[in-house]
Amino acid sequence: MRYTKRNLPYHELIGLQVVIRDHTDPTLVGVRGRVIKETKNTLVIETEGGRKLVVPKFGGIFLFKIPKHRFVSIAGDTLIGRPEERLRRLGRW
């Protein structure tokens, strides 16, 4: 299945490029990198400098880069839960 704005919350996020557009923790705003791990409530992002940051999903707005060089904005509150749990909670698109 292809990544689109509509179905991104149903996909695995590991491997996607991400930019934190807004967050309740202002020190995280502007962080960019690649998602290397996803837990129920956090994303682990490896930055271009090689640092690994654990970023809470709650309270953030994330820009994910999907194929064809497009960015999709998703509220972190929508992403809370494991991918398989999000399918059940969000229902079918």
N, C-alpha and C. Protein backbone atom coordinates (compact mmCIF):
# COMPACT_ATOMS: atom_id res chain seq x y z
N MET A 1 0.85 -1.17 0.00
CA MET A 1 0.00 0.00 0.00
C MET A 1 0.90 1.24 0.00
N ARG A 2 0.54 2.22 -0.75
CA ARG A 2 1.32 3.45 -0.86
C ARG A 2 1.02 4.38 0.30
N TYR A 3 2.03 5.17 0.65
CA TYR A 3 1.86 6.17 1.69
C TYR A 3 1.10 7.37 1.12
N THR A 4 0.06 7.79 1.82
CA THR A 4 -0.66 9.01 1.47
C THR A 4 -0.97 9.75 2.76
N LYS A 5 -1.40 10.98 2.63
CA LYS A 5 -1.77 11.76 3.82
C LYS A 5 -2.89 11.08 4.59
N ARG A 6 -3.78 10.48 3.87
CA ARG A 6 -4.94 9.87 4.48
C ARG A 6 -4.62 8.58 5.25
N ASN A 7 -3.66 7.79 4.74
CA ASN A 7 -3.43 6.50 5.38
C ASN A 7 -2.13 6.42 6.18
N LEU A 8 -1.39 7.51 6.33
CA LEU A 8 -0.13 7.47 7.06
C LEU A 8 -0.26 6.96 8.50
N PRO A 9 -1.30 7.33 9.25
CA PRO A 9 -1.40 6.80 10.62
C PRO A 9 -1.53 5.28 10.69
N TYR A 10 -1.89 4.63 9.60
CA TYR A 10 -2.05 3.18 9.58
C TYR A 10 -0.75 2.46 9.24
N HIS A 11 0.26 3.18 8.82
CA HIS A 11 1.52 2.59 8.38
C HIS A 11 2.54 2.51 9.50
N GLU A 12 3.55 1.70 9.25
CA GLU A 12 4.74 1.65 10.10
C GLU A 12 5.54 2.92 9.80
N LEU A 13 6.03 3.58 10.82
CA LEU A 13 6.74 4.86 10.65
C LEU A 13 8.25 4.69 10.61
N ILE A 14 8.75 3.52 10.98
CA ILE A 14 10.19 3.28 11.01
C ILE A 14 10.76 3.44 9.60
N GLY A 15 11.83 4.22 9.52
CA GLY A 15 12.50 4.44 8.25
C GLY A 15 12.12 5.73 7.56
N LEU A 16 11.05 6.37 8.01
CA LEU A 16 10.62 7.62 7.38
C LEU A 16 11.42 8.81 7.92
N GLN A 17 11.68 9.77 7.05
CA GLN A 17 12.30 11.02 7.47
C GLN A 17 11.23 11.86 8.17
N VAL A 18 11.62 12.56 9.23
CA VAL A 18 10.66 13.33 10.01
C VAL A 18 11.27 14.66 10.45
N VAL A 19 10.40 15.66 10.53
CA VAL A 19 10.77 16.97 11.09
C VAL A 19 9.72 17.28 12.15
N ILE A 20 10.16 17.73 13.31
CA ILE A 20 9.21 18.11 14.36
C ILE A 20 8.86 19.57 14.14
N ARG A 21 7.62 19.81 13.69
CA ARG A 21 7.17 21.16 13.37
C ARG A 21 6.77 21.94 14.61
N ASP A 22 6.14 21.26 15.57
CA ASP A 22 5.71 21.91 16.80
C ASP A 22 5.66 20.86 17.89
N HIS A 23 5.93 21.27 19.13
CA HIS A 23 5.89 20.33 20.24
C HIS A 23 5.71 21.11 21.53
N THR A 24 5.14 20.43 22.52
CA THR A 24 4.99 21.08 23.83
C THR A 24 6.35 21.30 24.49
N ASP A 25 7.36 20.53 24.09
CA ASP A 25 8.74 20.75 24.53
C ASP A 25 9.44 21.58 23.46
N PRO A 26 9.63 22.88 23.68
CA PRO A 26 10.17 23.75 22.64
C PRO A 26 11.59 23.40 22.19
N THR A 27 12.32 22.63 22.98
CA THR A 27 13.67 22.24 22.57
C THR A 27 13.66 21.22 21.44
N LEU A 28 12.51 20.59 21.20
CA LEU A 28 12.42 19.59 20.14
C LEU A 28 11.98 20.17 18.80
N VAL A 29 11.47 21.39 18.79
CA VAL A 29 10.98 22.00 17.55
C VAL A 29 12.14 22.17 16.58
N GLY A 30 11.94 21.70 15.35
CA GLY A 30 12.95 21.82 14.31
C GLY A 30 13.87 20.62 14.19
N VAL A 31 13.78 19.66 15.12
CA VAL A 31 14.61 18.46 15.03
C VAL A 31 14.21 17.69 13.79
N ARG A 32 15.22 17.24 13.04
CA ARG A 32 14.94 16.43 11.86
C ARG A 32 15.84 15.22 11.86
N GLY A 33 15.34 14.15 11.27
CA GLY A 33 16.10 12.91 11.21
C GLY A 33 15.24 11.79 10.67
N ARG A 34 15.63 10.56 11.02
CA ARG A 34 14.94 9.37 10.54
C ARG A 34 14.42 8.60 11.74
N VAL A 35 13.19 8.11 11.64
CA VAL A 35 12.59 7.31 12.71
C VAL A 35 13.26 5.93 12.69
N ILE A 36 13.90 5.56 13.82
CA ILE A 36 14.56 4.26 13.87
C ILE A 36 13.84 3.28 14.79
N LYS A 37 12.93 3.80 15.62
CA LYS A 37 12.16 2.93 16.51
C LYS A 37 10.88 3.66 16.89
N GLU A 38 9.84 2.86 17.08
CA GLU A 38 8.56 3.44 17.50
C GLU A 38 8.03 2.60 18.65
N THR A 39 7.68 3.28 19.73
CA THR A 39 7.02 2.61 20.84
C THR A 39 5.59 3.14 20.91
N LYS A 40 4.87 2.69 21.91
CA LYS A 40 3.48 3.11 22.05
C LYS A 40 3.35 4.63 22.16
N ASN A 41 4.24 5.27 22.92
CA ASN A 41 4.10 6.70 23.18
C ASN A 41 5.24 7.56 22.67
N THR A 42 6.25 6.96 22.05
CA THR A 42 7.41 7.73 21.61
C THR A 42 7.90 7.33 20.22
N LEU A 43 8.66 8.24 19.64
CA LEU A 43 9.42 7.96 18.42
C LEU A 43 10.88 8.15 18.77
N VAL A 44 11.73 7.23 18.33
CA VAL A 44 13.16 7.41 18.50
C VAL A 44 13.69 7.89 17.15
N ILE A 45 14.28 9.08 17.17
CA ILE A 45 14.73 9.73 15.94
C ILE A 45 16.24 9.81 15.95
N GLU A 46 16.85 9.34 14.86
CA GLU A 46 18.29 9.49 14.69
C GLU A 46 18.51 10.72 13.84
N THR A 47 19.20 11.71 14.41
CA THR A 47 19.43 12.96 13.69
C THR A 47 20.59 12.80 12.72
N GLU A 48 20.76 13.81 11.88
CA GLU A 48 21.84 13.77 10.89
C GLU A 48 23.20 13.72 11.55
N GLY A 49 23.32 14.26 12.77
CA GLY A 49 24.57 14.24 13.51
C GLY A 49 24.83 12.92 14.21
N GLY A 50 23.91 11.96 14.12
CA GLY A 50 24.08 10.66 14.74
C GLY A 50 23.48 10.54 16.12
N ARG A 51 22.92 11.63 16.66
CA ARG A 51 22.28 11.57 17.98
C ARG A 51 20.95 10.83 17.87
N LYS A 52 20.60 10.15 18.94
CA LYS A 52 19.31 9.47 19.00
C LYS A 52 18.48 10.16 20.07
N LEU A 53 17.32 10.65 19.67
CA LEU A 53 16.42 11.34 20.59
C LEU A 53 15.14 10.55 20.77
N VAL A 54 14.68 10.47 21.99
CA VAL A 54 13.38 9.86 22.29
C VAL A 54 12.39 11.00 22.39
N VAL A 55 11.43 11.02 21.47
CA VAL A 55 10.48 12.13 21.37
C VAL A 55 9.07 11.63 21.68
N PRO A 56 8.41 12.22 22.68
CA PRO A 56 7.02 11.84 22.96
C PRO A 56 6.11 12.20 21.78
N LYS A 57 5.20 11.30 21.47
CA LYS A 57 4.24 11.58 20.40
C LYS A 57 3.22 12.62 20.85
N PHE A 58 2.79 12.51 22.10
CA PHE A 58 1.77 13.41 22.61
C PHE A 58 2.28 14.85 22.63
N GLY A 59 1.50 15.75 22.12
CA GLY A 59 1.85 17.16 22.15
C GLY A 59 2.70 17.62 20.98
N GLY A 60 2.93 16.76 20.00
CA GLY A 60 3.76 17.15 18.88
C GLY A 60 3.01 17.18 17.56
N ILE A 61 3.55 17.93 16.63
CA ILE A 61 3.08 17.91 15.25
C ILE A 61 4.29 17.56 14.41
N PHE A 62 4.19 16.47 13.67
CA PHE A 62 5.31 15.92 12.93
C PHE A 62 5.08 16.04 11.43
N LEU A 63 6.13 16.34 10.70
CA LEU A 63 6.10 16.33 9.24
C LEU A 63 6.87 15.10 8.79
N PHE A 64 6.19 14.17 8.15
CA PHE A 64 6.82 12.96 7.64
C PHE A 64 7.01 13.09 6.14
N LYS A 65 8.19 12.71 5.67
CA LYS A 65 8.47 12.74 4.23
C LYS A 65 8.06 11.40 3.65
N ILE A 66 7.15 11.45 2.70
CA ILE A 66 6.69 10.24 2.03
C ILE A 66 7.24 10.23 0.61
N PRO A 67 7.17 9.10 -0.06
CA PRO A 67 7.72 9.04 -1.43
C PRO A 67 7.19 10.17 -2.32
N LYS A 68 7.96 10.47 -3.31
CA LYS A 68 7.70 11.57 -4.25
C LYS A 68 7.95 12.92 -3.60
N HIS A 69 8.78 12.93 -2.54
CA HIS A 69 9.26 14.16 -1.91
C HIS A 69 8.16 15.06 -1.36
N ARG A 70 7.10 14.46 -0.85
CA ARG A 70 6.03 15.24 -0.23
C ARG A 70 6.13 15.10 1.28
N PHE A 71 5.74 16.14 1.99
CA PHE A 71 5.69 16.10 3.44
C PHE A 71 4.24 16.07 3.89
N VAL A 72 3.96 15.26 4.90
CA VAL A 72 2.62 15.12 5.45
C VAL A 72 2.67 15.50 6.92
N SER A 73 1.80 16.39 7.35
CA SER A 73 1.74 16.83 8.73
C SER A 73 0.73 15.96 9.50
N ILE A 74 1.19 15.42 10.62
CA ILE A 74 0.34 14.55 11.44
C ILE A 74 0.49 14.97 12.90
N ALA A 75 -0.62 15.08 13.61
CA ALA A 75 -0.58 15.36 15.05
C ALA A 75 -0.13 14.09 15.77
N GLY A 76 0.78 14.26 16.71
CA GLY A 76 1.30 13.12 17.45
C GLY A 76 0.23 12.38 18.23
N ASP A 77 -0.80 13.09 18.66
CA ASP A 77 -1.89 12.45 19.40
C ASP A 77 -2.56 11.36 18.57
N THR A 78 -2.59 11.54 17.26
CA THR A 78 -3.18 10.55 16.35
C THR A 78 -2.31 9.30 16.29
N LEU A 79 -1.02 9.45 16.51
CA LEU A 79 -0.08 8.35 16.36
C LEU A 79 0.13 7.54 17.64
N ILE A 80 -0.49 7.94 18.73
CA ILE A 80 -0.29 7.22 19.98
C ILE A 80 -0.81 5.79 19.84
N GLY A 81 0.00 4.85 20.30
CA GLY A 81 -0.32 3.43 20.21
C GLY A 81 0.57 2.75 19.19
N ARG A 82 0.68 1.46 19.31
CA ARG A 82 1.44 0.67 18.34
C ARG A 82 0.67 0.65 17.02
N PRO A 83 1.38 0.42 15.90
CA PRO A 83 0.67 0.44 14.61
C PRO A 83 -0.55 -0.48 14.56
N GLU A 84 -0.41 -1.68 15.12
CA GLU A 84 -1.55 -2.61 15.09
C GLU A 84 -2.70 -2.12 15.97
N GLU A 85 -2.39 -1.40 17.05
CA GLU A 85 -3.44 -0.84 17.90
C GLU A 85 -4.12 0.34 17.23
N ARG A 86 -3.35 1.12 16.46
CA ARG A 86 -3.94 2.26 15.75
C ARG A 86 -4.96 1.80 14.72
N LEU A 87 -4.73 0.65 14.10
CA LEU A 87 -5.70 0.13 13.14
C LEU A 87 -7.04 -0.11 13.81
N ARG A 88 -7.00 -0.72 14.98
CA ARG A 88 -8.26 -1.00 15.70
C ARG A 88 -8.91 0.28 16.21
N ARG A 89 -8.10 1.19 16.75
CA ARG A 89 -8.64 2.41 17.35
C ARG A 89 -9.19 3.37 16.31
N LEU A 90 -8.45 3.55 15.23
CA LEU A 90 -8.88 4.51 14.21
C LEU A 90 -9.90 3.93 13.24
N GLY A 91 -10.00 2.61 13.19
CA GLY A 91 -10.91 2.00 12.24
C GLY A 91 -10.36 2.07 10.84
N ARG A 92 -11.11 1.65 9.91
CA ARG A 92 -10.67 1.67 8.50
C ARG A 92 -10.85 3.05 7.92
N TRP A 93 -10.01 3.40 6.98
CA TRP A 93 -10.12 4.69 6.33
C TRP A 93 -11.07 4.55 5.20
